[in-house]
PDB file of N, CA and C in Angstrom:
ATOM      1  N   MET A   1     -49.481  35.960  -0.137  1.00  0.00           N
ATOM      2  CA  MET A   1     -49.565  37.342  -0.579  1.00  0.00           C
ATOM      3  C   MET A   1     -48.671  38.192   0.322  1.00  0.00           C
ATOM      4  N   GLU A   2     -47.895  39.077  -0.298  1.00  0.00           N
ATOM      5  CA  GLU A   2     -47.040  39.979   0.459  1.00  0.00           C
ATOM      6  C   GLU A   2     -47.874  40.991   1.226  1.00  0.00           C
ATOM      7  N   ALA A   3     -47.250  41.596   2.251  1.00  0.00           N
ATOM      8  CA  ALA A   3     -47.956  42.583   3.075  1.00  0.00           C
ATOM      9  C   ALA A   3     -48.449  43.755   2.227  1.00  0.00           C
ATOM     10  N   GLY A   4     -47.637  44.213   1.271  1.00  0.00           N
ATOM     11  CA  GLY A   4     -48.063  45.315   0.407  1.00  0.00           C
ATOM     12  C   GLY A   4     -49.318  44.970  -0.375  1.00  0.00           C
ATOM     13  N   GLY A   5     -49.422  43.722  -0.811  1.00  0.00           N
ATOM     14  CA  GLY A   5     -50.618  43.273  -1.519  1.00  0.00           C
ATOM     15  C   GLY A   5     -51.849  43.252  -0.633  1.00  0.00           C
ATOM     16  N   VAL A   6     -51.657  42.892   0.644  1.00  0.00           N
ATOM     17  CA  VAL A   6     -52.771  42.893   1.597  1.00  0.00           C
ATOM     18  C   VAL A   6     -53.282  44.316   1.783  1.00  0.00           C
ATOM     19  N   PHE A   7     -52.361  45.278   1.931  1.00  0.00           N
ATOM     20  CA  PHE A   7     -52.769  46.673   2.118  1.00  0.00           C
ATOM     21  C   PHE A   7     -53.380  47.249   0.842  1.00  0.00           C
ATOM     22  N   GLY A   8     -52.816  46.921  -0.324  1.00  0.00           N
ATOM     23  CA  GLY A   8     -53.397  47.376  -1.584  1.00  0.00           C
ATOM     24  C   GLY A   8     -54.799  46.835  -1.789  1.00  0.00           C
ATOM     25  N   GLY A   9     -54.993  45.560  -1.472  1.00  0.00           N
ATOM     26  CA  GLY A   9     -56.318  44.956  -1.577  1.00  0.00           C
ATOM     27  C   GLY A   9     -57.321  45.606  -0.643  1.00  0.00           C
ATOM     28  N   ALA A  10     -56.874  45.933   0.574  1.00  0.00           N
ATOM     29  CA  ALA A  10     -57.766  46.584   1.540  1.00  0.00           C
ATOM     30  C   ALA A  10     -58.170  47.976   1.059  1.00  0.00           C
ATOM     31  N   LEU A  11     -57.236  48.718   0.452  1.00  0.00           N
ATOM     32  CA  LEU A  11     -57.571  50.041  -0.100  1.00  0.00           C
ATOM     33  C   LEU A  11     -58.596  49.909  -1.223  1.00  0.00           C
ATOM     34  N   ARG A  12     -58.379  48.943  -2.132  1.00  0.00           N
ATOM     35  CA  ARG A  12     -59.327  48.721  -3.231  1.00  0.00           C
ATOM     36  C   ARG A  12     -60.709  48.354  -2.699  1.00  0.00           C
ATOM     37  N   GLU A  13     -60.764  47.454  -1.718  1.00  0.00           N
ATOM     38  CA  GLU A  13     -62.057  47.049  -1.150  1.00  0.00           C
ATOM     39  C   GLU A  13     -62.777  48.226  -0.507  1.00  0.00           C
ATOM     40  N   GLU A  14     -62.035  49.058   0.208  1.00  0.00           N
ATOM     41  CA  GLU A  14     -62.655  50.211   0.870  1.00  0.00           C
ATOM     42  C   GLU A  14     -63.135  51.229  -0.165  1.00  0.00           C
ATOM     43  N   LEU A  15     -62.355  51.469  -1.216  1.00  0.00           N
ATOM     44  CA  LEU A  15     -62.793  52.373  -2.285  1.00  0.00           C
ATOM     45  C   LEU A  15     -64.045  51.831  -2.965  1.00  0.00           C
ATOM     46  N   SER A  16     -64.065  50.533  -3.220  1.00  0.00           N
ATOM     47  CA  SER A  16     -65.226  49.908  -3.849  1.00  0.00           C
ATOM     48  C   SER A  16     -66.461  50.032  -2.959  1.00  0.00           C
ATOM     49  N   ALA A  17     -66.296  49.795  -1.665  1.00  0.00           N
ATOM     50  CA  ALA A  17     -67.422  49.898  -0.726  1.00  0.00           C
ATOM     51  C   ALA A  17     -67.987  51.313  -0.683  1.00  0.00           C
ATOM     52  N   ARG A  18     -67.136  52.305  -0.935  1.00  0.00           N
ATOM     53  CA  ARG A  18     -67.569  53.705  -0.937  1.00  0.00           C
ATOM     54  C   ARG A  18     -68.063  54.148  -2.314  1.00  0.00           C
ATOM     55  N   GLY A  19     -68.030  53.251  -3.299  1.00  0.00           N
ATOM     56  CA  GLY A  19     -68.454  53.607  -4.648  1.00  0.00           C
ATOM     57  C   GLY A  19     -67.476  54.531  -5.351  1.00  0.00           C
ATOM     58  N   ARG A  20     -66.196  54.470  -4.958  1.00  0.00           N
ATOM     59  CA  ARG A  20     -65.190  55.381  -5.509  1.00  0.00           C
ATOM     60  C   ARG A  20     -64.139  54.670  -6.355  1.00  0.00           C
ATOM     61  N   LEU A  21     -64.344  53.391  -6.652  1.00  0.00           N
ATOM     62  CA  LEU A  21     -63.375  52.637  -7.434  1.00  0.00           C
ATOM     63  C   LEU A  21     -63.763  52.715  -8.905  1.00  0.00           C
ATOM     64  N   ALA A  22     -62.923  53.375  -9.697  1.00  0.00           N
ATOM     65  CA  ALA A  22     -63.187  53.536 -11.132  1.00  0.00           C
ATOM     66  C   ALA A  22     -62.735  52.279 -11.877  1.00  0.00           C
ATOM     67  N   PRO A  23     -63.337  52.003 -13.023  1.00  0.00           N
ATOM     68  CA  PRO A  23     -62.910  50.848 -13.820  1.00  0.00           C
ATOM     69  C   PRO A  23     -61.456  51.007 -14.266  1.00  0.00           C
ATOM     70  N   GLU A  24     -60.803  49.888 -14.500  1.00  0.00           N
ATOM     71  CA  GLU A  24     -59.426  49.872 -14.972  1.00  0.00           C
ATOM     72  C   GLU A  24     -59.314  50.688 -16.258  1.00  0.00           C
ATOM     73  N   GLY A  25     -58.324  51.579 -16.316  1.00  0.00           N
ATOM     74  CA  GLY A  25     -58.095  52.394 -17.502  1.00  0.00           C
ATOM     75  C   GLY A  25     -58.933  53.656 -17.581  1.00  0.00           C
ATOM     76  N   ALA A  26     -59.804  53.900 -16.607  1.00  0.00           N
ATOM     77  CA  ALA A  26     -60.642  55.110 -16.612  1.00  0.00           C
ATOM     78  C   ALA A  26     -59.785  56.334 -16.309  1.00  0.00           C
ATOM     79  N   SER A  27     -60.183  57.464 -16.898  1.00  0.00           N
ATOM     80  CA  SER A  27     -59.465  58.699 -16.591  1.00  0.00           C
ATOM     81  C   SER A  27     -59.979  59.238 -15.264  1.00  0.00           C
ATOM     82  N   GLY A  28     -59.214  60.112 -14.678  1.00  0.00           N
ATOM     83  CA  GLY A  28     -59.598  60.677 -13.387  1.00  0.00           C
ATOM     84  C   GLY A  28     -58.449  60.572 -12.411  1.00  0.00           C
ATOM     85  N   PRO A  29     -58.687  60.962 -11.178  1.00  0.00           N
ATOM     86  CA  PRO A  29     -57.607  60.925 -10.194  1.00  0.00           C
ATOM     87  C   PRO A  29     -57.127  59.495  -9.932  1.00  0.00           C
ATOM     88  N   GLU A  30     -55.846  59.385  -9.592  1.00  0.00           N
ATOM     89  CA  GLU A  30     -55.241  58.091  -9.287  1.00  0.00           C
ATOM     90  C   GLU A  30     -54.773  58.100  -7.835  1.00  0.00           C
ATOM     91  N   LEU A  31     -55.151  57.080  -7.099  1.00  0.00           N
ATOM     92  CA  LEU A  31     -54.732  56.939  -5.708  1.00  0.00           C
ATOM     93  C   LEU A  31     -53.669  55.854  -5.633  1.00  0.00           C
ATOM     94  N   THR A  32     -52.528  56.189  -5.036  1.00  0.00           N
ATOM     95  CA  THR A  32     -51.480  55.198  -4.821  1.00  0.00           C
ATOM     96  C   THR A  32     -51.224  55.068  -3.332  1.00  0.00           C
ATOM     97  N   GLY A  33     -50.848  53.887  -2.928  1.00  0.00           N
ATOM     98  CA  GLY A  33     -50.518  53.625  -1.534  1.00  0.00           C
ATOM     99  C   GLY A  33     -49.138  53.007  -1.434  1.00  0.00           C
ATOM    100  N   GLU A  34     -48.430  53.330  -0.365  1.00  0.00           N
ATOM    101  CA  GLU A  34     -47.088  52.803  -0.149  1.00  0.00           C
ATOM    102  C   GLU A  34     -46.966  52.351   1.304  1.00  0.00           C
ATOM    103  N   LEU A  35     -46.607  51.104   1.504  1.00  0.00           N
ATOM    104  CA  LEU A  35     -46.372  50.573   2.845  1.00  0.00           C
ATOM    105  C   LEU A  35     -44.980  51.020   3.272  1.00  0.00           C
ATOM    106  N   LEU A  36     -44.914  51.939   4.235  1.00  0.00           N
ATOM    107  CA  LEU A  36     -43.637  52.498   4.669  1.00  0.00           C
ATOM    108  C   LEU A  36     -42.955  51.637   5.725  1.00  0.00           C
ATOM    109  N   THR A  37     -43.709  51.179   6.710  1.00  0.00           N
ATOM    110  CA  THR A  37     -43.137  50.344   7.770  1.00  0.00           C
ATOM    111  C   THR A  37     -44.111  49.235   8.135  1.00  0.00           C
ATOM    112  N   LEU A  38     -43.554  48.123   8.557  1.00  0.00           N
ATOM    113  CA  LEU A  38     -44.330  47.008   9.085  1.00  0.00           C
ATOM    114  C   LEU A  38     -43.448  46.314  10.107  1.00  0.00           C
ATOM    115  N   ALA A  39     -43.928  46.205  11.342  1.00  0.00           N
ATOM    116  CA  ALA A  39     -43.141  45.586  12.409  1.00  0.00           C
ATOM    117  C   ALA A  39     -44.029  44.719  13.280  1.00  0.00           C
ATOM    118  N   SER A  40     -43.463  43.626  13.738  1.00  0.00           N
ATOM    119  CA  SER A  40     -44.134  42.741  14.684  1.00  0.00           C
ATOM    120  C   SER A  40     -43.176  42.511  15.840  1.00  0.00           C
ATOM    121  N   VAL A  41     -43.610  42.859  17.044  1.00  0.00           N
ATOM    122  CA  VAL A  41     -42.758  42.720  18.223  1.00  0.00           C
ATOM    123  C   VAL A  41     -43.526  42.004  19.333  1.00  0.00           C
ATOM    124  N   PRO A  42     -42.818  41.224  20.155  1.00  0.00           N
ATOM    125  CA  PRO A  42     -43.488  40.582  21.291  1.00  0.00           C
ATOM    126  C   PRO A  42     -44.055  41.640  22.233  1.00  0.00           C
ATOM    127  N   SER A  43     -45.262  41.404  22.716  1.00  0.00           N
ATOM    128  CA  SER A  43     -45.876  42.362  23.644  1.00  0.00           C
ATOM    129  C   SER A  43     -46.185  41.729  24.994  1.00  0.00           C
ATOM    130  N   ALA A  44     -46.074  40.408  25.089  1.00  0.00           N
ATOM    131  CA  ALA A  44     -46.271  39.712  26.368  1.00  0.00           C
ATOM    132  C   ALA A  44     -45.436  38.441  26.353  1.00  0.00           C
ATOM    133  N   LEU A  45     -44.797  38.164  27.470  1.00  0.00           N
ATOM    134  CA  LEU A  45     -43.956  36.976  27.576  1.00  0.00           C
ATOM    135  C   LEU A  45     -44.562  35.990  28.554  1.00  0.00           C
ATOM    136  N   GLY A  46     -44.472  34.716  28.205  1.00  0.00           N
ATOM    137  CA  GLY A  46     -44.921  33.639  29.081  1.00  0.00           C
ATOM    138  C   GLY A  46     -43.763  32.699  29.336  1.00  0.00           C
ATOM    139  N   ALA A  47     -44.026  31.590  29.969  1.00  0.00           N
ATOM    140  CA  ALA A  47     -42.981  30.626  30.305  1.00  0.00           C
ATOM    141  C   ALA A  47     -42.292  30.064  29.058  1.00  0.00           C
ATOM    142  N   GLN A  48     -43.022  29.946  27.965  1.00  0.00           N
ATOM    143  CA  GLN A  48     -42.477  29.379  26.731  1.00  0.00           C
ATOM    144  C   GLN A  48     -41.984  30.443  25.752  1.00  0.00           C
ATOM    145  N   GLY A  49     -41.936  31.695  26.172  1.00  0.00           N
ATOM    146  CA  GLY A  49     -41.520  32.780  25.285  1.00  0.00           C
ATOM    147  C   GLY A  49     -42.667  33.750  25.070  1.00  0.00           C
ATOM    148  N   ALA A  50     -42.684  34.370  23.899  1.00  0.00           N
ATOM    149  CA  ALA A  50     -43.720  35.369  23.600  1.00  0.00           C
ATOM    150  C   ALA A  50     -45.089  34.710  23.526  1.00  0.00           C
ATOM    151  N   SER A  51     -46.064  35.301  24.218  1.00  0.00           N
ATOM    152  CA  SER A  51     -47.434  34.773  24.171  1.00  0.00           C
ATOM    153  C   SER A  51     -48.371  35.702  23.414  1.00  0.00           C
ATOM    154  N   ALA A  52     -47.895  36.919  23.142  1.00  0.00           N
ATOM    155  CA  ALA A  52     -48.681  37.885  22.368  1.00  0.00           C
ATOM    156  C   ALA A  52     -47.716  38.794  21.620  1.00  0.00           C
ATOM    157  N   PHE A  53     -48.207  39.335  20.520  1.00  0.00           N
ATOM    158  CA  PHE A  53     -47.398  40.199  19.670  1.00  0.00           C
ATOM    159  C   PHE A  53     -48.197  41.435  19.293  1.00  0.00           C
ATOM    160  N   SER A  54     -47.472  42.477  18.936  1.00  0.00           N
ATOM    161  CA  SER A  54     -48.088  43.698  18.429  1.00  0.00           C
ATOM    162  C   SER A  54     -47.555  43.938  17.019  1.00  0.00           C
ATOM    163  N   LEU A  55     -48.469  44.088  16.080  1.00  0.00           N
ATOM    164  CA  LEU A  55     -48.141  44.337  14.680  1.00  0.00           C
ATOM    165  C   LEU A  55     -48.470  45.792  14.385  1.00  0.00           C
ATOM    166  N   SER A  56     -47.527  46.524  13.809  1.00  0.00           N
ATOM    167  CA  SER A  56     -47.789  47.931  13.487  1.00  0.00           C
ATOM    168  C   SER A  56     -47.361  48.220  12.056  1.00  0.00           C
ATOM    169  N   ALA A  57     -48.033  49.195  11.442  1.00  0.00           N
ATOM    170  CA  ALA A  57     -47.739  49.560  10.059  1.00  0.00           C
ATOM    171  C   ALA A  57     -47.973  51.047   9.859  1.00  0.00           C
ATOM    172  N   THR A  58     -47.225  51.602   8.915  1.00  0.00           N
ATOM    173  CA  THR A  58     -47.420  52.978   8.464  1.00  0.00           C
ATOM    174  C   THR A  58     -47.581  52.943   6.951  1.00  0.00           C
ATOM    175  N   VAL A  59     -48.614  53.619   6.458  1.00  0.00           N
ATOM    176  CA  VAL A  59     -48.918  53.649   5.027  1.00  0.00           C
ATOM    177  C   VAL A  59     -49.049  55.095   4.575  1.00  0.00           C
ATOM    178  N   ARG A  60     -48.543  55.384   3.376  1.00  0.00           N
ATOM    179  CA  ARG A  60     -48.695  56.712   2.759  1.00  0.00           C
ATOM    180  C   ARG A  60     -49.597  56.568   1.545  1.00  0.00           C
ATOM    181  N   VAL A  61     -50.534  57.495   1.394  1.00  0.00           N
ATOM    182  CA  VAL A  61     -51.368  57.544   0.192  1.00  0.00           C
ATOM    183  C   VAL A  61     -51.143  58.875  -0.520  1.00  0.00           C
ATOM    184  N   ARG A  62     -51.244  58.825  -1.838  1.00  0.00           N
ATOM    185  CA  ARG A  62     -51.153  60.035  -2.670  1.00  0.00           C
ATOM    186  C   ARG A  62     -52.287  59.995  -3.684  1.00  0.00           C
ATOM    187  N   LEU A  63     -52.953  61.129  -3.820  1.00  0.00           N
ATOM    188  CA  LEU A  63     -53.998  61.289  -4.823  1.00  0.00           C
ATOM    189  C   LEU A  63     -53.462  62.244  -5.875  1.00  0.00           C
ATOM    190  N   ARG A  64     -53.396  61.757  -7.121  1.00  0.00           N
ATOM    191  CA  ARG A  64     -52.863  62.565  -8.227  1.00  0.00           C
ATOM    192  C   ARG A  64     -53.947  62.775  -9.274  1.00  0.00           C
ATOM    193  N   ASP A  65     -53.897  63.963  -9.872  1.00  0.00           N
ATOM    194  CA  ASP A  65     -54.699  64.204 -11.069  1.00  0.00           C
ATOM    195  C   ASP A  65     -53.748  64.719 -12.139  1.00  0.00           C
ATOM    196  N   ALA A  66     -54.276  65.250 -13.227  1.00  0.00           N
ATOM    197  CA  ALA A  66     -53.434  65.697 -14.339  1.00  0.00           C
ATOM    198  C   ALA A  66     -52.443  66.779 -13.925  1.00  0.00           C
ATOM    199  N   SER A  67     -52.764  67.545 -12.874  1.00  0.00           N
ATOM    200  CA  SER A  67     -51.876  68.628 -12.450  1.00  0.00           C
ATOM    201  C   SER A  67     -50.806  68.166 -11.464  1.00  0.00           C
ATOM    202  N   GLY A  68     -50.888  66.943 -10.968  1.00  0.00           N
ATOM    203  CA  GLY A  68     -49.897  66.431 -10.015  1.00  0.00           C
ATOM    204  C   GLY A  68     -50.564  65.945  -8.737  1.00  0.00           C
ATOM    205  N   VAL A  69     -49.791  65.896  -7.669  1.00  0.00           N
ATOM    206  CA  VAL A  69     -50.292  65.415  -6.380  1.00  0.00           C
ATOM    207  C   VAL A  69     -51.233  66.457  -5.786  1.00  0.00           C
ATOM    208  N   VAL A  70     -52.473  66.065  -5.527  1.00  0.00           N
ATOM    209  CA  VAL A  70     -53.458  66.982  -4.947  1.00  0.00           C
ATOM    210  C   VAL A  70     -53.717  66.679  -3.472  1.00  0.00           C
ATOM    211  N   TYR A  71     -53.280  65.498  -3.024  1.00  0.00           N
ATOM    212  CA  TYR A  71     -53.446  65.146  -1.612  1.00  0.00           C
ATOM    213  C   TYR A  71     -52.422  64.073  -1.262  1.00  0.00           C
ATOM    214  N   GLU A  72     -51.824  64.226  -0.081  1.00  0.00           N
ATOM    215  CA  GLU A  72     -50.878  63.227   0.414  1.00  0.00           C
ATOM    216  C   GLU A  72     -51.024  63.141   1.926  1.00  0.00           C
ATOM    217  N   ASP A  73     -50.981  61.930   2.442  1.00  0.00           N
ATOM    218  CA  ASP A  73     -51.109  61.731   3.886  1.00  0.00           C
ATOM    219  C   ASP A  73     -50.481  60.393   4.237  1.00  0.00           C
ATOM    220  N   GLN A  74     -50.114  60.257   5.487  1.00  0.00           N
ATOM    221  CA  GLN A  74     -49.677  58.954   5.970  1.00  0.00           C
ATOM    222  C   GLN A  74     -50.215  58.752   7.376  1.00  0.00           C
ATOM    223  N   ALA A  75     -50.419  57.494   7.717  1.00  0.00           N
ATOM    224  CA  ALA A  75     -50.954  57.155   9.034  1.00  0.00           C
ATOM    225  C   ALA A  75     -50.401  55.808   9.452  1.00  0.00           C
ATOM    226  N   GLY A  76     -50.375  55.608  10.743  1.00  0.00           N
ATOM    227  CA  GLY A  76     -49.926  54.343  11.304  1.00  0.00           C
ATOM    228  C   GLY A  76     -50.902  53.862  12.362  1.00  0.00           C
ATOM    229  N   LEU A  77     -51.076  52.568  12.426  1.00  0.00           N
ATOM    230  CA  LEU A  77     -51.924  51.931  13.434  1.00  0.00           C
ATOM    231  C   LEU A  77     -51.269  50.626  13.865  1.00  0.00           C
ATOM    232  N   GLY A  78     -51.835  50.012  14.881  1.00  0.00           N
ATOM    233  CA  GLY A  78     -51.333  48.736  15.365  1.00  0.00           C
ATOM    234  C   GLY A  78     -52.460  47.766  15.630  1.00  0.00           C
ATOM    235  N   GLU A  79     -52.107  46.511  15.712  1.00  0.00           N
ATOM    236  CA  GLU A  79     -53.071  45.432  15.965  1.00  0.00           C
ATOM    237  C   GLU A  79     -52.341  44.346  16.756  1.00  0.00           C
ATOM    238  N   ASP A  80     -52.987  43.816  17.781  1.00  0.00           N
ATOM    239  CA  ASP A  80     -52.398  42.758  18.600  1.00  0.00           C
ATOM    240  C   ASP A  80     -52.871  41.387  18.134  1.00  0.00           C
ATOM    241  N   TYR A  81     -52.027  40.379  18.383  1.00  0.00           N
ATOM    242  CA  TYR A  81     -52.430  38.997  18.115  1.00  0.00           C
ATOM    243  C   TYR A  81     -51.720  38.063  19.088  1.00  0.00           C
ATOM    244  N   LEU A  82     -52.328  36.925  19.321  1.00  0.00           N
ATOM    245  CA  LEU A  82     -51.810  35.943  20.270  1.00  0.00           C
ATOM    246  C   LEU A  82     -50.949  34.903  19.570  1.00  0.00           C
ATOM    247  N   ALA A  83     -50.006  34.347  20.319  1.00  0.00           N
ATOM    248  CA  ALA A  83     -49.241  33.216  19.818  1.00  0.00           C
ATOM    249  C   ALA A  83     -50.182  32.021  19.719  1.00  0.00           C
ATOM    250  N   GLY A  84     -49.991  31.212  18.702  1.00  0.00           N
ATOM    251  CA  GLY A  84     -50.793  30.001  18.554  1.00  0.00           C
ATOM    252  C   GLY A  84     -50.174  28.846  19.328  1.00  0.00           C
ATOM    253  N   VAL A  85     -50.793  27.691  19.251  1.00  0.00           N
ATOM    254  CA  VAL A  85     -50.257  26.514  19.930  1.00  0.00           C
ATOM    255  C   VAL A  85     -48.999  25.995  19.242  1.00  0.00           C
ATOM    256  N   ASP A  86     -48.800  26.402  17.987  1.00  0.00           N
ATOM    257  CA  ASP A  86     -47.588  26.055  17.249  1.00  0.00           C
ATOM    258  C   ASP A  86     -47.279  27.186  16.272  1.00  0.00           C
ATOM    259  N   VAL A  87     -46.219  27.017  15.500  1.00  0.00           N
ATOM    260  CA  VAL A  87     -45.788  28.052  14.556  1.00  0.00           C
ATOM    261  C   VAL A  87     -46.879  28.361  13.533  1.00  0.00           C
ATOM    262  N   LEU A  88     -47.566  27.333  13.053  1.00  0.00           N
ATOM    263  CA  LEU A  88     -48.627  27.555  12.062  1.00  0.00           C
ATOM    264  C   LEU A  88     -49.781  28.359  12.651  1.00  0.00           C
ATOM    265  N   GLY A  89     -50.134  28.085  13.901  1.00  0.00           N
ATOM    266  CA  GLY A  89     -51.194  28.844  14.563  1.00  0.00           C
ATOM    267  C   GLY A  89     -50.808  30.294  14.766  1.00  0.00           C
ATOM    268  N   THR A  90     -49.556  30.525  15.152  1.00  0.00           N
ATOM    269  CA  THR A  90     -49.079  31.900  15.334  1.00  0.00           C
ATOM    270  C   THR A  90     -49.095  32.647  14.005  1.00  0.00           C
ATOM    271  N   GLU A  91     -48.665  31.984  12.931  1.00  0.00           N
ATOM    272  CA  GLU A  91     -48.661  32.621  11.608  1.00  0.00           C
ATOM    273  C   GLU A  91     -50.081  32.927  11.143  1.00  0.00           C
ATOM    274  N   ALA A  92     -51.016  32.031  11.394  1.00  0.00           N
ATOM    275  CA  ALA A  92     -52.418  32.285  11.033  1.00  0.00           C
ATOM    276  C   ALA A  92     -52.952  33.491  11.799  1.00  0.00           C
ATOM    277  N   ASN A  93     -52.614  33.597  13.073  1.00  0.00           N
ATOM    278  CA  ASN A  93     -53.046  34.748  13.876  1.00  0.00           C
ATOM    279  C   ASN A  93     -52.408  36.039  13.373  1.00  0.00           C
ATOM    280  N   ARG A  94     -51.126  35.962  12.964  1.00  0.00           N
ATOM    281  CA  ARG A  94     -50.437  37.147  12.432  1.00  0.00           C
ATOM    282  C   ARG A  94     -51.090  37.606  11.129  1.00  0.00           C
ATOM    283  N   ARG A  95     -51.418  36.676  10.265  1.00  0.00           N
ATOM    284  CA  ARG A  95     -52.057  37.040   8.992  1.00  0.00           C
ATOM    285  C   ARG A  95     -53.440  37.650   9.209  1.00  0.00           C
ATOM    286  N   ALA A  96     -54.190  37.104  10.159  1.00  0.00           N
ATOM    287  CA  ALA A  96     -55.506  37.677  10.471  1.00  0.00           C
ATOM    288  C   ALA A  96     -55.345  39.091  11.026  1.00  0.00           C
ATOM    289  N   ALA A  97     -54.339  39.296  11.882  1.00  0.00           N
ATOM    290  CA  ALA A  97     -54.070  40.635  12.425  1.00  0.00           C
ATOM    291  C   ALA A  97     -53.650  41.587  11.312  1.00  0.00           C
ATOM    292  N   LEU A  98     -52.859  41.098  10.358  1.00  0.00           N
ATOM    293  CA  LEU A  98     -52.430  41.927   9.229  1.00  0.00           C
ATOM    294  C   LEU A  98     -53.635  42.366   8.397  1.00  0.00           C
ATOM    295  N   ARG A  99     -54.580  41.465   8.149  1.00  0.00           N
ATOM    296  CA  ARG A  99     -55.783  41.828   7.384  1.00  0.00           C
ATOM    297  C   ARG A  99     -56.623  42.861   8.143  1.00  0.00           C
ATOM    298  N   ARG A 100     -56.782  42.677   9.464  1.00  0.00           N
ATOM    299  CA  ARG A 100     -57.532  43.660  10.262  1.00  0.00           C
ATOM    300  C   ARG A 100     -56.833  45.014  10.242  1.00  0.00           C
ATOM    301  N   LEU A 101     -55.511  44.994  10.386  1.00  0.00           N
ATOM    302  CA  LEU A 101     -54.735  46.232  10.384  1.00  0.00           C
ATOM    303  C   LEU A 101     -54.859  46.944   9.041  1.00  0.00           C
ATOM    304  N   ALA A 102     -54.754  46.210   7.947  1.00  0.00           N
ATOM    305  CA  ALA A 102     -54.875  46.802   6.609  1.00  0.00           C
ATOM    306  C   ALA A 102     -56.254  47.419   6.409  1.00  0.00           C
ATOM    307  N   ARG A 103     -57.294  46.719   6.838  1.00  0.00           N
ATOM    308  CA  ARG A 103     -58.664  47.232   6.704  1.00  0.00           C
ATOM    309  C   ARG A 103     -58.848  48.509   7.525  1.00  0.00           C
ATOM    310  N   ASN A 104     -58.409  48.493   8.773  1.00  0.00           N
ATOM    311  CA  ASN A 104     -58.578  49.664   9.641  1.00  0.00           C
ATOM    312  C   ASN A 104     -57.751  50.851   9.174  1.00  0.00           C
ATOM    313  N   LEU A 105     -56.535  50.597   8.719  1.00  0.00           N
ATOM    314  CA  LEU A 105     -55.683  51.683   8.234  1.00  0.00           C
ATOM    315  C   LEU A 105     -56.228  52.261   6.933  1.00  0.00           C
ATOM    316  N   SER A 106     -56.757  51.424   6.058  1.00  0.00           N
ATOM    317  CA  SER A 106     -57.369  51.906   4.813  1.00  0.00           C
ATOM    318  C   SER A 106     -58.568  52.792   5.111  1.00  0.00           C
ATOM    319  N   ARG A 107     -59.410  52.358   6.022  1.00  0.00           N
ATOM    320  CA  ARG A 107     -60.571  53.171   6.401  1.00  0.00           C
ATOM    321  C   ARG A 107     -60.139  54.511   6.971  1.00  0.00           C
ATOM    322  N   GLU A 108     -59.153  54.494   7.850  1.00  0.00           N
ATOM    323  CA  GLU A 108     -58.656  55.733   8.465  1.00  0.00           C
ATOM    324  C   GLU A 108     -58.135  56.698   7.404  1.00  0.00           C
ATOM    325  N   LEU A 109     -57.283  56.212   6.519  1.00  0.00           N
ATOM    326  CA  LEU A 109     -56.692  57.080   5.496  1.00  0.00           C
ATOM    327  C   LEU A 109     -57.740  57.615   4.525  1.00  0.00           C
ATOM    328  N   LEU A 110     -58.673  56.772   4.091  1.00  0.00           N
ATOM    329  CA  LEU A 110     -59.692  57.232   3.144  1.00  0.00           C
ATOM    330  C   LEU A 110     -60.680  58.185   3.797  1.00  0.00           C
ATOM    331  N   GLU A 111     -60.971  57.987   5.067  1.00  0.00           N
ATOM    332  CA  GLU A 111     -61.842  58.924   5.778  1.00  0.00           C
ATOM    333  C   GLU A 111     -61.175  60.290   5.886  1.00  0.00           C
ATOM    334  N   ARG A 112     -59.892  60.300   6.237  1.00  0.00           N
ATOM    335  CA  ARG A 112     -59.157  61.569   6.326  1.00  0.00           C
ATOM    336  C   ARG A 112     -59.073  62.250   4.961  1.00  0.00           C
ATOM    337  N   MET A 113     -58.853  61.465   3.908  1.00  0.00           N
ATOM    338  CA  MET A 113     -58.781  62.030   2.562  1.00  0.00           C
ATOM    339  C   MET A 113     -60.139  62.574   2.135  1.00  0.00           C
ATOM    340  N   SER A 114     -61.198  61.886   2.484  1.00  0.00           N
ATOM    341  CA  SER A 114     -62.546  62.335   2.148  1.00  0.00           C
ATOM    342  C   SER A 114     -62.835  63.701   2.754  1.00  0.00           C
ATOM    343  N   VAL A 115     -62.433  63.887   3.999  1.00  0.00           N
ATOM    344  CA  VAL A 115     -62.662  65.160   4.689  1.00  0.00           C
ATOM    345  C   VAL A 115     -61.766  66.259   4.112  1.00  0.00           C
ATOM    346  N   ALA A 116     -60.479  65.953   3.919  1.00  0.00           N
ATOM    347  CA  ALA A 116     -59.515  66.978   3.509  1.00  0.00           C
ATOM    348  C   ALA A 116     -59.599  67.337   2.028  1.00  0.00           C
ATOM    349  N   ALA A 117     -59.804  66.332   1.173  1.00  0.00           N
ATOM    350  CA  ALA A 117     -59.742  66.568  -0.270  1.00  0.00           C
ATOM    351  C   ALA A 117     -61.100  66.455  -0.946  1.00  0.00           C
ATOM    352  N   GLY A 118     -62.136  66.139  -0.203  1.00  0.00           N
ATOM    353  CA  GLY A 118     -63.462  66.003  -0.800  1.00  0.00           C
ATOM    354  C   GLY A 118     -63.555  64.848  -1.769  1.00  0.00           C
ATOM    355  N   PHE A 119     -62.735  63.819  -1.571  1.00  0.00           N
ATOM    356  CA  PHE A 119     -62.708  62.663  -2.478  1.00  0.00           C
ATOM    357  C   PHE A 119     -63.662  61.616  -1.991  1.00  0.00           C
TER     358      PHE A 119
END
């Protein structure tokens, strides 16, 4: 699954957990999300190279109704992960960090939208 799909899934799960996910095709406001940036950089070096990494992302959300955009915001967060014993272990750790980052960023954005737009 692409990174955008991970973030989209996290937004849907968070909306569902809040009881705010409308059935497919329902009328009402539409929330869209856009992954603006995603970066992974070494954050600690060991004898064999990078031993830890920092993953960061910025996401923009827009809430639209029939009159147009009623709310827009963007936020960025980061998540750390360790290098694995091999490439597969490092990739598994990166994917787990990506899921945590998507979940935390979705919660942050929806909480801010809830306060600002009453959604």
